[in-house]
Amino acid sequence: MKVLTEQDLPLKEETVCTIGSFDGFHIGHIHLLEKTKEEAKRTGRKSLVITFEPHPKKILSPQNAPCRITDLTTKLELLRYQKIDYVYVIHFTKEYAKKPAEEFLDFLTENLRCKKIIVGHDWRFGYGGKGCVEFASEYGKKAGFEVEVIPPIKIDSTRISSTEIRKLLKEGRVDEAEKYLGRTYCIKGKVIKGDRLGQKIGFPTINIIPDVDLCLKKGVYMGYVSFDHKLYPAVINYGTRPTVDGKKTFIEAHIIGEKLEKDIKEVKIFFKRFIREEKKFNNIQELQNQIKNDIQKAINALEVKT
């Protein structure tokens, strides 16, 4: 997969395109990507995903912007797993939001060589949301592209949507969100050096800094940490560590039954199940006892061999 830059445009090859924020990167999105790849293969074209950074609502209506399910780094990795040929990330700004719908479609056809655009039924684009599926289909007749609409997918009569997944994550129901995501909820991030408090109290952690608007309930989870192509069971804390300082927000993962001797640069953290709320303990001893209980719950649920 290649992430395109301005220097790569205009493309030489014709493409089959799909467009969206892909924030949830859920089963509905994967279905859209599969259709895009199938059509690209059938017509001898390249598959292309066009996405936005940040989420357009962050710019258009920041006070109503949704919390973030998938950051750009994780999104690009998930797209790479889907074996998409090209990704083009549009840096969304107030200026970009003023582009007329016609100009946006011209960019798709002239620079990204989109010959077919595959989208969800609720696709909107262009200044003031003027552009829609019907508008694009009509415009495509003279501009030389087709539009295909993929209907929404439902599970147990519930329409799969990023909105529904956000609701579940904000309630800590990561195991239920997994059903709609089609994967375990995960975050990829660069490892930072902490204050080594976990090491001092007997539970060393791998630490990453989450997005400020991460869509996840604060608390303690069981799950896995992945690095160097291996998966390790872990207890994960997402929060401010109120017993220690309660100021900065971290994601801290303690790998169960492993001593981390090597320098780890980047990890992916998978959240399998919520264990408990984050709370302030009276002293470090209480915190240590609770962590031991959390680890035991994770060992039992994840069937860890110790």
C-alpha atoms as a PDB file:
ATOM      1  CA  MET A   1       0.000   0.000   0.000  1.00  0.00           C
ATOM      2  CA  LYS A   2       1.243   3.453  -0.858  1.00  0.00           C
ATOM      3  CA  VAL A   3       0.185   6.630   0.944  1.00  0.00           C
ATOM      4  CA  LEU A   4       0.014   9.207  -1.828  1.00  0.00           C
ATOM      5  CA  THR A   5       1.386  12.737  -1.589  1.00  0.00           C
ATOM      6  CA  GLU A   6       0.906  15.768  -3.834  1.00  0.00           C
ATOM      7  CA  GLN A   7       4.084  14.756  -5.702  1.00  0.00           C
ATOM      8  CA  ASP A   8       2.387  11.535  -6.837  1.00  0.00           C
ATOM      9  CA  LEU A   9      -0.468  13.393  -8.535  1.00  0.00           C
ATOM     10  CA  PRO A  10      -1.938  13.173 -11.044  1.00  0.00           C
ATOM     11  CA  LEU A  11      -1.922   9.393 -11.008  1.00  0.00           C
ATOM     12  CA  LYS A  12      -1.126   7.516 -14.184  1.00  0.00           C
ATOM     13  CA  GLU A  13      -3.363   4.529 -13.451  1.00  0.00           C
ATOM     14  CA  GLU A  14      -7.133   4.583 -13.362  1.00  0.00           C
ATOM     15  CA  THR A  15      -8.632   3.831  -9.945  1.00  0.00           C
ATOM     16  CA  VAL A  16     -11.702   2.560  -8.153  1.00  0.00           C
ATOM     17  CA  CYS A  17     -12.229   4.868  -5.171  1.00  0.00           C
ATOM     18  CA  THR A  18     -14.005   4.811  -1.867  1.00  0.00           C
ATOM     19  CA  ILE A  19     -14.279   7.866   0.346  1.00  0.00           C
ATOM     20  CA  GLY A  20     -14.910   8.480   4.036  1.00  0.00           C
ATOM     21  CA  SER A  21     -13.541   9.194   7.485  1.00  0.00           C
ATOM     22  CA  PHE A  22     -13.372   5.451   8.260  1.00  0.00           C
ATOM     23  CA  ASP A  23     -13.148   6.386  11.932  1.00  0.00           C
ATOM     24  CA  GLY A  24     -14.714   3.241  13.327  1.00  0.00           C
ATOM     25  CA  PHE A  25     -13.114   1.011  10.724  1.00  0.00           C
ATOM     26  CA  HIS A  26     -15.979  -1.384  11.346  1.00  0.00           C
ATOM     27  CA  ILE A  27     -17.586  -4.277   9.451  1.00  0.00           C
ATOM     28  CA  GLY A  28     -19.486  -1.852   7.208  1.00  0.00           C
ATOM     29  CA  HIS A  29     -16.235  -0.129   6.217  1.00  0.00           C
ATOM     30  CA  ILE A  30     -14.539  -3.460   5.550  1.00  0.00           C
ATOM     31  CA  HIS A  31     -17.437  -4.457   3.292  1.00  0.00           C
ATOM     32  CA  LEU A  32     -16.974  -1.177   1.398  1.00  0.00           C
ATOM     33  CA  LEU A  33     -13.251  -1.880   1.012  1.00  0.00           C
ATOM     34  CA  GLU A  34     -13.895  -5.431  -0.214  1.00  0.00           C
ATOM     35  CA  LYS A  35     -16.282  -4.131  -2.872  1.00  0.00           C
ATOM     36  CA  THR A  36     -13.684  -1.538  -3.920  1.00  0.00           C
ATOM     37  CA  LYS A  37     -10.938  -4.152  -4.239  1.00  0.00           C
ATOM     38  CA  GLU A  38     -13.209  -6.562  -6.135  1.00  0.00           C
ATOM     39  CA  GLU A  39     -14.198  -3.871  -8.638  1.00  0.00           C
ATOM     40  CA  ALA A  40     -10.580  -2.750  -9.061  1.00  0.00           C
ATOM     41  CA  LYS A  41      -9.494  -6.323  -9.771  1.00  0.00           C
ATOM     42  CA  ARG A  42     -12.388  -6.924 -12.161  1.00  0.00           C
ATOM     43  CA  THR A  43     -11.613  -3.798 -14.210  1.00  0.00           C
ATOM     44  CA  GLY A  44      -7.807  -3.929 -14.016  1.00  0.00           C
ATOM     45  CA  ARG A  45      -7.599  -0.716 -11.973  1.00  0.00           C
ATOM     46  CA  LYS A  46      -6.012   0.250  -8.661  1.00  0.00           C
ATOM     47  CA  SER A  47      -7.990   0.431  -5.411  1.00  0.00           C
ATOM     48  CA  LEU A  48      -7.856   3.816  -3.680  1.00  0.00           C
ATOM     49  CA  VAL A  49      -9.119   4.996  -0.292  1.00  0.00           C
ATOM     50  CA  ILE A  50      -9.627   8.720   0.252  1.00  0.00           C
ATOM     51  CA  THR A  51      -9.889   9.734   3.889  1.00  0.00           C
ATOM     52  CA  PHE A  52      -9.665  12.862   6.016  1.00  0.00           C
ATOM     53  CA  GLU A  53      -7.479  14.122   8.851  1.00  0.00           C
ATOM     54  CA  PRO A  54      -8.843  15.389  11.165  1.00  0.00           C
ATOM     55  CA  HIS A  55     -12.471  14.275  11.087  1.00  0.00           C
ATOM     56  CA  PRO A  56     -14.358  16.986   9.137  1.00  0.00           C
ATOM     57  CA  LYS A  57     -16.695  17.649  12.076  1.00  0.00           C
ATOM     58  CA  LYS A  58     -13.658  18.710  14.124  1.00  0.00           C
ATOM     59  CA  ILE A  59     -13.366  21.674  11.774  1.00  0.00           C
ATOM     60  CA  LEU A  60     -16.986  22.292  10.814  1.00  0.00           C
ATOM     61  CA  SER A  61     -18.531  21.914  14.264  1.00  0.00           C
ATOM     62  CA  PRO A  62     -15.857  21.361  16.926  1.00  0.00           C
ATOM     63  CA  GLN A  63     -18.327  21.535  19.810  1.00  0.00           C
ATOM     64  CA  ASN A  64     -20.284  18.638  18.290  1.00  0.00           C
ATOM     65  CA  ALA A  65     -17.329  16.673  16.935  1.00  0.00           C
ATOM     66  CA  PRO A  66     -17.414  12.956  17.785  1.00  0.00           C
ATOM     67  CA  CYS A  67     -14.765  11.384  19.971  1.00  0.00           C
ATOM     68  CA  ARG A  68     -12.163   9.437  18.047  1.00  0.00           C
ATOM     69  CA  ILE A  69     -12.319   5.665  17.622  1.00  0.00           C
ATOM     70  CA  THR A  70      -9.312   5.143  15.366  1.00  0.00           C
ATOM     71  CA  ASP A  71      -6.342   7.496  15.035  1.00  0.00           C
ATOM     72  CA  LEU A  72      -4.656   8.005  11.671  1.00  0.00           C
ATOM     73  CA  THR A  73      -1.681   5.726  12.457  1.00  0.00           C
ATOM     74  CA  THR A  74      -3.954   2.822  13.390  1.00  0.00           C
ATOM     75  CA  LYS A  75      -6.273   3.529  10.445  1.00  0.00           C
ATOM     76  CA  LEU A  76      -3.399   3.366   7.943  1.00  0.00           C
ATOM     77  CA  GLU A  77      -2.195   0.109   9.459  1.00  0.00           C
ATOM     78  CA  LEU A  78      -5.685  -1.412   9.188  1.00  0.00           C
ATOM     79  CA  LEU A  79      -5.893  -0.273   5.563  1.00  0.00           C
ATOM     80  CA  ARG A  80      -2.517  -1.889   4.917  1.00  0.00           C
ATOM     81  CA  TYR A  81      -3.893  -5.185   6.254  1.00  0.00           C
ATOM     82  CA  GLN A  82      -6.779  -4.852   3.796  1.00  0.00           C
ATOM     83  CA  LYS A  83      -4.234  -4.712   0.944  1.00  0.00           C
ATOM     84  CA  ILE A  84      -5.516  -1.482  -0.548  1.00  0.00           C
ATOM     85  CA  ASP A  85      -3.248  -0.178  -3.347  1.00  0.00           C
ATOM     86  CA  TYR A  86      -3.365   3.550  -2.580  1.00  0.00           C
ATOM     87  CA  VAL A  87      -4.480   5.844   0.248  1.00  0.00           C
ATOM     88  CA  TYR A  88      -4.837   9.587  -0.090  1.00  0.00           C
ATOM     89  CA  VAL A  89      -5.252  11.579   3.138  1.00  0.00           C
ATOM     90  CA  ILE A  90      -6.946  14.954   2.726  1.00  0.00           C
ATOM     91  CA  HIS A  91      -5.833  17.481   5.326  1.00  0.00           C
ATOM     92  CA  PHE A  92      -9.235  18.923   6.203  1.00  0.00           C
ATOM     93  CA  THR A  93      -9.277  22.631   7.016  1.00  0.00           C
ATOM     94  CA  LYS A  94     -11.814  25.470   7.048  1.00  0.00           C
ATOM     95  CA  GLU A  95     -10.442  26.491   3.665  1.00  0.00           C
ATOM     96  CA  TYR A  96     -10.854  22.989   2.256  1.00  0.00           C
ATOM     97  CA  ALA A  97     -14.439  22.870   3.542  1.00  0.00           C
ATOM     98  CA  LYS A  98     -15.277  25.752   1.182  1.00  0.00           C
ATOM     99  CA  LYS A  99     -14.559  23.688  -1.937  1.00  0.00           C
ATOM    100  CA  PRO A 100     -17.668  23.358  -4.113  1.00  0.00           C
ATOM    101  CA  ALA A 101     -18.934  19.837  -4.722  1.00  0.00           C
ATOM    102  CA  GLU A 102     -18.043  20.102  -8.417  1.00  0.00           C
ATOM    103  CA  GLU A 103     -14.426  21.011  -7.625  1.00  0.00           C
ATOM    104  CA  PHE A 104     -14.089  18.041  -5.285  1.00  0.00           C
ATOM    105  CA  LEU A 105     -15.367  15.654  -7.953  1.00  0.00           C
ATOM    106  CA  ASP A 106     -13.052  17.203 -10.553  1.00  0.00           C
ATOM    107  CA  PHE A 107     -10.107  16.554  -8.212  1.00  0.00           C
ATOM    108  CA  LEU A 108     -11.145  12.906  -7.854  1.00  0.00           C
ATOM    109  CA  THR A 109     -11.358  12.361 -11.586  1.00  0.00           C
ATOM    110  CA  GLU A 110      -8.446  14.505 -12.802  1.00  0.00           C
ATOM    111  CA  ASN A 111      -5.861  13.910 -10.061  1.00  0.00           C
ATOM    112  CA  LEU A 112      -6.858  10.581  -8.501  1.00  0.00           C
ATOM    113  CA  ARG A 113      -8.221   9.146 -11.780  1.00  0.00           C
ATOM    114  CA  CYS A 114     -11.362   7.756 -10.128  1.00  0.00           C
ATOM    115  CA  LYS A 115     -13.422   5.893 -12.720  1.00  0.00           C
ATOM    116  CA  LYS A 116     -15.756   4.387 -10.181  1.00  0.00           C
ATOM    117  CA  ILE A 117     -16.653   5.716  -6.733  1.00  0.00           C
ATOM    118  CA  ILE A 118     -18.054   3.244  -4.190  1.00  0.00           C
ATOM    119  CA  VAL A 119     -19.666   4.844  -1.130  1.00  0.00           C
ATOM    120  CA  GLY A 120     -22.249   4.442   1.605  1.00  0.00           C
ATOM    121  CA  HIS A 121     -25.823   5.652   1.107  1.00  0.00           C
ATOM    122  CA  ASP A 122     -25.338   8.761   3.271  1.00  0.00           C
ATOM    123  CA  TRP A 123     -22.269  10.184   1.487  1.00  0.00           C
ATOM    124  CA  ARG A 124     -22.146  14.000   1.547  1.00  0.00           C
ATOM    125  CA  PHE A 125     -19.413  16.286   0.251  1.00  0.00           C
ATOM    126  CA  GLY A 126     -18.651  19.805  -0.940  1.00  0.00           C
ATOM    127  CA  TYR A 127     -19.395  23.212   0.542  1.00  0.00           C
ATOM    128  CA  GLY A 128     -22.554  23.206   2.628  1.00  0.00           C
ATOM    129  CA  GLY A 129     -22.993  19.477   2.048  1.00  0.00           C
ATOM    130  CA  LYS A 130     -24.362  20.163  -1.437  1.00  0.00           C
ATOM    131  CA  GLY A 131     -22.882  16.993  -2.862  1.00  0.00           C
ATOM    132  CA  CYS A 132     -24.682  13.684  -2.414  1.00  0.00           C
ATOM    133  CA  VAL A 133     -24.943  10.336  -4.188  1.00  0.00           C
ATOM    134  CA  GLU A 134     -27.544  11.601  -6.690  1.00  0.00           C
ATOM    135  CA  PHE A 135     -25.509  14.733  -7.465  1.00  0.00           C
ATOM    136  CA  ALA A 136     -22.315  12.712  -8.005  1.00  0.00           C
ATOM    137  CA  SER A 137     -24.088  10.141 -10.214  1.00  0.00           C
ATOM    138  CA  GLU A 138     -25.476  12.868 -12.468  1.00  0.00           C
ATOM    139  CA  TYR A 139     -22.146  14.711 -12.575  1.00  0.00           C
ATOM    140  CA  GLY A 140     -20.351  11.474 -13.397  1.00  0.00           C
ATOM    141  CA  LYS A 141     -22.314  11.045 -16.643  1.00  0.00           C
ATOM    142  CA  LYS A 142     -20.403  13.938 -18.206  1.00  0.00           C
ATOM    143  CA  ALA A 143     -17.188  13.619 -16.160  1.00  0.00           C
ATOM    144  CA  GLY A 144     -16.685   9.934 -16.996  1.00  0.00           C
ATOM    145  CA  PHE A 145     -17.141   8.078 -13.708  1.00  0.00           C
ATOM    146  CA  GLU A 146     -19.765   5.851 -12.084  1.00  0.00           C
ATOM    147  CA  VAL A 147     -21.090   5.838  -8.535  1.00  0.00           C
ATOM    148  CA  GLU A 148     -22.081   2.664  -6.686  1.00  0.00           C
ATOM    149  CA  VAL A 149     -23.920   2.821  -3.373  1.00  0.00           C
ATOM    150  CA  ILE A 150     -23.430   0.097  -0.766  1.00  0.00           C
ATOM    151  CA  PRO A 151     -26.418  -0.266   1.593  1.00  0.00           C
ATOM    152  CA  PRO A 152     -25.811  -0.307   5.369  1.00  0.00           C
ATOM    153  CA  ILE A 153     -25.106  -3.599   7.103  1.00  0.00           C
ATOM    154  CA  LYS A 154     -27.077  -4.721  10.166  1.00  0.00           C
ATOM    155  CA  ILE A 155     -26.349  -7.148  12.976  1.00  0.00           C
ATOM    156  CA  ASP A 156     -29.343  -8.289  15.039  1.00  0.00           C
ATOM    157  CA  SER A 157     -31.421  -5.494  13.444  1.00  0.00           C
ATOM    158  CA  THR A 158     -28.896  -2.843  14.591  1.00  0.00           C
ATOM    159  CA  ARG A 159     -27.286  -0.826  11.824  1.00  0.00           C
ATOM    160  CA  ILE A 160     -23.502  -0.946  12.109  1.00  0.00           C
ATOM    161  CA  SER A 161     -22.266   2.607  12.530  1.00  0.00           C
ATOM    162  CA  SER A 162     -19.427   4.530  14.126  1.00  0.00           C
ATOM    163  CA  THR A 163     -22.067   6.252  16.297  1.00  0.00           C
ATOM    164  CA  GLU A 164     -23.170   2.948  17.839  1.00  0.00           C
ATOM    165  CA  ILE A 165     -19.552   1.857  18.372  1.00  0.00           C
ATOM    166  CA  ARG A 166     -18.677   5.171  20.060  1.00  0.00           C
ATOM    167  CA  LYS A 167     -21.555   4.653  22.488  1.00  0.00           C
ATOM    168  CA  LEU A 168     -20.302   1.186  23.433  1.00  0.00           C
ATOM    169  CA  LEU A 169     -16.670   2.297  23.844  1.00  0.00           C
ATOM    170  CA  LYS A 170     -17.627   5.267  26.018  1.00  0.00           C
ATOM    171  CA  GLU A 171     -19.405   2.791  28.278  1.00  0.00           C
ATOM    172  CA  GLY A 172     -16.384   0.456  28.365  1.00  0.00           C
ATOM    173  CA  ARG A 173     -18.267  -2.272  26.495  1.00  0.00           C
ATOM    174  CA  VAL A 174     -15.306  -3.163  24.289  1.00  0.00           C
ATOM    175  CA  ASP A 175     -16.361  -6.805  24.008  1.00  0.00           C
ATOM    176  CA  GLU A 176     -19.699  -5.744  22.490  1.00  0.00           C
ATOM    177  CA  ALA A 177     -18.027  -3.173  20.221  1.00  0.00           C
ATOM    178  CA  GLU A 178     -15.876  -6.005  18.868  1.00  0.00           C
ATOM    179  CA  LYS A 179     -18.972  -7.548  17.284  1.00  0.00           C
ATOM    180  CA  TYR A 180     -19.566  -4.428  15.157  1.00  0.00           C
ATOM    181  CA  LEU A 181     -15.906  -3.671  14.509  1.00  0.00           C
ATOM    182  CA  GLY A 182     -15.224  -7.176  13.265  1.00  0.00           C
ATOM    183  CA  ARG A 183     -11.971  -7.037  15.243  1.00  0.00           C
ATOM    184  CA  THR A 184     -10.716  -6.389  18.753  1.00  0.00           C
ATOM    185  CA  TYR A 185     -10.621  -2.675  19.506  1.00  0.00           C
ATOM    186  CA  CYS A 186      -6.999  -1.547  19.409  1.00  0.00           C
ATOM    187  CA  ILE A 187      -4.738   1.498  19.519  1.00  0.00           C
ATOM    188  CA  LYS A 188      -1.272   1.786  18.040  1.00  0.00           C
ATOM    189  CA  GLY A 189       1.239   4.175  19.557  1.00  0.00           C
ATOM    190  CA  LYS A 190       4.847   5.076  20.214  1.00  0.00           C
ATOM    191  CA  VAL A 191       6.172   3.929  23.579  1.00  0.00           C
ATOM    192  CA  ILE A 192       7.179   6.749  25.921  1.00  0.00           C
ATOM    193  CA  LYS A 193       9.403   6.605  28.965  1.00  0.00           C
ATOM    194  CA  GLY A 194       7.314   6.998  32.103  1.00  0.00           C
ATOM    195  CA  ASP A 195       8.337   7.696  35.687  1.00  0.00           C
ATOM    196  CA  ARG A 196       8.978   3.940  36.195  1.00  0.00           C
ATOM    197  CA  LEU A 197       6.541   3.835  39.114  1.00  0.00           C
ATOM    198  CA  GLY A 198       5.108   0.542  37.853  1.00  0.00           C
ATOM    199  CA  GLN A 199       8.615  -0.922  37.922  1.00  0.00           C
ATOM    200  CA  LYS A 200       9.129   0.307  41.488  1.00  0.00           C
ATOM    201  CA  ILE A 201       5.930  -1.288  42.787  1.00  0.00           C
ATOM    202  CA  GLY A 202       6.511  -4.573  40.956  1.00  0.00           C
ATOM    203  CA  PHE A 203       4.345  -4.099  37.851  1.00  0.00           C
ATOM    204  CA  PRO A 204       6.386  -2.570  35.009  1.00  0.00           C
ATOM    205  CA  THR A 205       4.318  -1.050  32.220  1.00  0.00           C
ATOM    206  CA  ILE A 206       4.556  -0.056  28.583  1.00  0.00           C
ATOM    207  CA  ASN A 207       3.172   3.470  28.250  1.00  0.00           C
ATOM    208  CA  ILE A 208       1.664   5.373  25.344  1.00  0.00           C
ATOM    209  CA  ILE A 209      -0.080   8.746  25.218  1.00  0.00           C
ATOM    210  CA  PRO A 210      -3.639   8.480  23.829  1.00  0.00           C
ATOM    211  CA  ASP A 211      -5.467  11.031  21.705  1.00  0.00           C
ATOM    212  CA  VAL A 212      -7.075  13.701  23.871  1.00  0.00           C
ATOM    213  CA  ASP A 213     -10.491  12.826  22.431  1.00  0.00           C
ATOM    214  CA  LEU A 214     -10.102   9.052  22.516  1.00  0.00           C
ATOM    215  CA  CYS A 215     -13.450   7.267  22.467  1.00  0.00           C
ATOM    216  CA  LEU A 216     -12.971   4.969  25.437  1.00  0.00           C
ATOM    217  CA  LYS A 217     -14.139   4.855  29.023  1.00  0.00           C
ATOM    218  CA  LYS A 218     -11.340   5.389  31.523  1.00  0.00           C
ATOM    219  CA  GLY A 219     -10.582   2.381  33.665  1.00  0.00           C
ATOM    220  CA  VAL A 220      -8.780  -0.957  33.798  1.00  0.00           C
ATOM    221  CA  TYR A 221      -9.053  -3.517  30.996  1.00  0.00           C
ATOM    222  CA  MET A 222      -7.726  -6.933  30.139  1.00  0.00           C
ATOM    223  CA  GLY A 223      -6.304  -7.467  26.682  1.00  0.00           C
ATOM    224  CA  TYR A 224      -3.115  -7.890  24.735  1.00  0.00           C
ATOM    225  CA  VAL A 225      -0.016  -5.977  23.713  1.00  0.00           C
ATOM    226  CA  SER A 226       1.567  -6.642  20.326  1.00  0.00           C
ATOM    227  CA  PHE A 227       5.136  -5.913  19.229  1.00  0.00           C
ATOM    228  CA  ASP A 228       7.814  -7.749  17.253  1.00  0.00           C
ATOM    229  CA  HIS A 229       5.051  -9.874  15.664  1.00  0.00           C
ATOM    230  CA  LYS A 230       4.097 -11.396  19.040  1.00  0.00           C
ATOM    231  CA  LEU A 231       0.983 -11.039  21.195  1.00  0.00           C
ATOM    232  CA  TYR A 232       1.268 -10.800  24.993  1.00  0.00           C
ATOM    233  CA  PRO A 233      -1.597 -10.936  27.532  1.00  0.00           C
ATOM    234  CA  ALA A 234      -1.843  -7.764  29.589  1.00  0.00           C
ATOM    235  CA  VAL A 235      -3.710  -5.678  32.125  1.00  0.00           C
ATOM    236  CA  ILE A 236      -4.223  -2.169  30.758  1.00  0.00           C
ATOM    237  CA  ASN A 237      -5.001   1.056  32.563  1.00  0.00           C
ATOM    238  CA  TYR A 238      -6.411   4.026  30.670  1.00  0.00           C
ATOM    239  CA  GLY A 239      -6.585   7.088  32.862  1.00  0.00           C
ATOM    240  CA  THR A 240      -4.836   9.587  35.086  1.00  0.00           C
ATOM    241  CA  ARG A 241      -3.449   7.285  37.828  1.00  0.00           C
ATOM    242  CA  PRO A 242      -5.284   9.078  40.678  1.00  0.00           C
ATOM    243  CA  THR A 243      -3.375   7.230  43.425  1.00  0.00           C
ATOM    244  CA  VAL A 244      -0.084   8.643  42.119  1.00  0.00           C
ATOM    245  CA  ASP A 245      -0.695  12.096  40.661  1.00  0.00           C
ATOM    246  CA  GLY A 246      -3.968  12.192  38.712  1.00  0.00           C
ATOM    247  CA  LYS A 247      -2.769  14.827  36.260  1.00  0.00           C
ATOM    248  CA  LYS A 248      -1.581  13.293  32.992  1.00  0.00           C
ATOM    249  CA  THR A 249      -3.541  10.756  30.976  1.00  0.00           C
ATOM    250  CA  PHE A 250      -1.749   7.585  29.905  1.00  0.00           C
ATOM    251  CA  ILE A 251      -2.451   4.137  28.559  1.00  0.00           C
ATOM    252  CA  GLU A 252      -0.290   1.788  30.623  1.00  0.00           C
ATOM    253  CA  ALA A 253      -0.062  -1.922  29.860  1.00  0.00           C
ATOM    254  CA  HIS A 254       1.459  -4.474  32.224  1.00  0.00           C
ATOM    255  CA  ILE A 255       2.419  -7.629  30.349  1.00  0.00           C
ATOM    256  CA  ILE A 256       1.532 -10.696  32.375  1.00  0.00           C
ATOM    257  CA  GLY A 257       4.365 -13.103  33.187  1.00  0.00           C
ATOM    258  CA  GLU A 258       7.006 -11.427  31.025  1.00  0.00           C
ATOM    259  CA  LYS A 259      10.083  -9.388  31.889  1.00  0.00           C
ATOM    260  CA  LEU A 260      10.685  -6.633  29.378  1.00  0.00           C
ATOM    261  CA  GLU A 261      14.407  -6.358  28.945  1.00  0.00           C
ATOM    262  CA  LYS A 262      14.469  -4.836  25.471  1.00  0.00           C
ATOM    263  CA  ASP A 263      13.800  -1.314  24.289  1.00  0.00           C
ATOM    264  CA  ILE A 264      10.350  -1.282  22.638  1.00  0.00           C
ATOM    265  CA  LYS A 265       9.613   1.560  20.206  1.00  0.00           C
ATOM    266  CA  GLU A 266       6.019   0.995  19.141  1.00  0.00           C
ATOM    267  CA  VAL A 267       3.151  -1.224  20.246  1.00  0.00           C
ATOM    268  CA  LYS A 268      -0.423  -2.058  19.460  1.00  0.00           C
ATOM    269  CA  ILE A 269      -2.726  -2.454  22.468  1.00  0.00           C
ATOM    270  CA  PHE A 270      -5.884  -4.594  22.211  1.00  0.00           C
ATOM    271  CA  PHE A 271      -8.763  -4.077  24.665  1.00  0.00           C
ATOM    272  CA  LYS A 272     -10.722  -7.291  25.253  1.00  0.00           C
ATOM    273  CA  ARG A 273     -12.825  -6.604  28.359  1.00  0.00           C
ATOM    274  CA  PHE A 274     -13.452  -3.932  30.984  1.00  0.00           C
ATOM    275  CA  ILE A 275     -12.383  -4.975  34.504  1.00  0.00           C
ATOM    276  CA  ARG A 276     -13.163  -2.000  36.734  1.00  0.00           C
ATOM    277  CA  GLU A 277     -13.345   1.763  37.142  1.00  0.00           C
ATOM    278  CA  GLU A 278     -10.181   3.702  37.822  1.00  0.00           C
ATOM    279  CA  LYS A 279     -10.073   4.743  41.473  1.00  0.00           C
ATOM    280  CA  LYS A 280      -7.853   6.424  44.031  1.00  0.00           C
ATOM    281  CA  PHE A 281      -6.462   4.071  46.678  1.00  0.00           C
ATOM    282  CA  ASN A 282      -5.422   5.093  50.172  1.00  0.00           C
ATOM    283  CA  ASN A 283      -1.872   3.881  49.703  1.00  0.00           C
ATOM    284  CA  ILE A 284       0.461   2.016  47.354  1.00  0.00           C
ATOM    285  CA  GLN A 285      -0.105  -1.296  49.166  1.00  0.00           C
ATOM    286  CA  GLU A 286      -3.822  -1.156  48.368  1.00  0.00           C
ATOM    287  CA  LEU A 287      -2.997  -0.360  44.739  1.00  0.00           C
ATOM    288  CA  GLN A 288      -0.590  -3.322  44.549  1.00  0.00           C
ATOM    289  CA  ASN A 289      -3.217  -5.689  45.961  1.00  0.00           C
ATOM    290  CA  GLN A 290      -5.806  -4.473  43.485  1.00  0.00           C
ATOM    291  CA  ILE A 291      -3.407  -4.874  40.535  1.00  0.00           C
ATOM    292  CA  LYS A 292      -2.779  -8.472  41.653  1.00  0.00           C
ATOM    293  CA  ASN A 293      -6.547  -9.060  41.598  1.00  0.00           C
ATOM    294  CA  ASP A 294      -6.826  -7.448  38.158  1.00  0.00           C
ATOM    295  CA  ILE A 295      -4.043  -9.679  36.837  1.00  0.00           C
ATOM    296  CA  GLN A 296      -5.706 -12.801  38.216  1.00  0.00           C
ATOM    297  CA  LYS A 297      -8.994 -11.876  36.545  1.00  0.00           C
ATOM    298  CA  ALA A 298      -7.167 -11.403  33.261  1.00  0.00           C
ATOM    299  CA  ILE A 299      -5.316 -14.718  33.643  1.00  0.00           C
ATOM    300  CA  ASN A 300      -8.615 -16.546  34.203  1.00  0.00           C
ATOM    301  CA  ALA A 301     -10.558 -14.823  31.424  1.00  0.00           C
ATOM    302  CA  LEU A 302      -7.776 -14.851  28.823  1.00  0.00           C
ATOM    303  CA  GLU A 303      -6.769 -18.407  29.818  1.00  0.00           C
ATOM    304  CA  VAL A 304      -3.152 -17.406  30.305  1.00  0.00           C
ATOM    305  CA  LYS A 305      -0.743 -20.227  31.085  1.00  0.00           C
ATOM    306  CA  THR A 306       1.464 -19.243  34.029  1.00  0.00           C
END
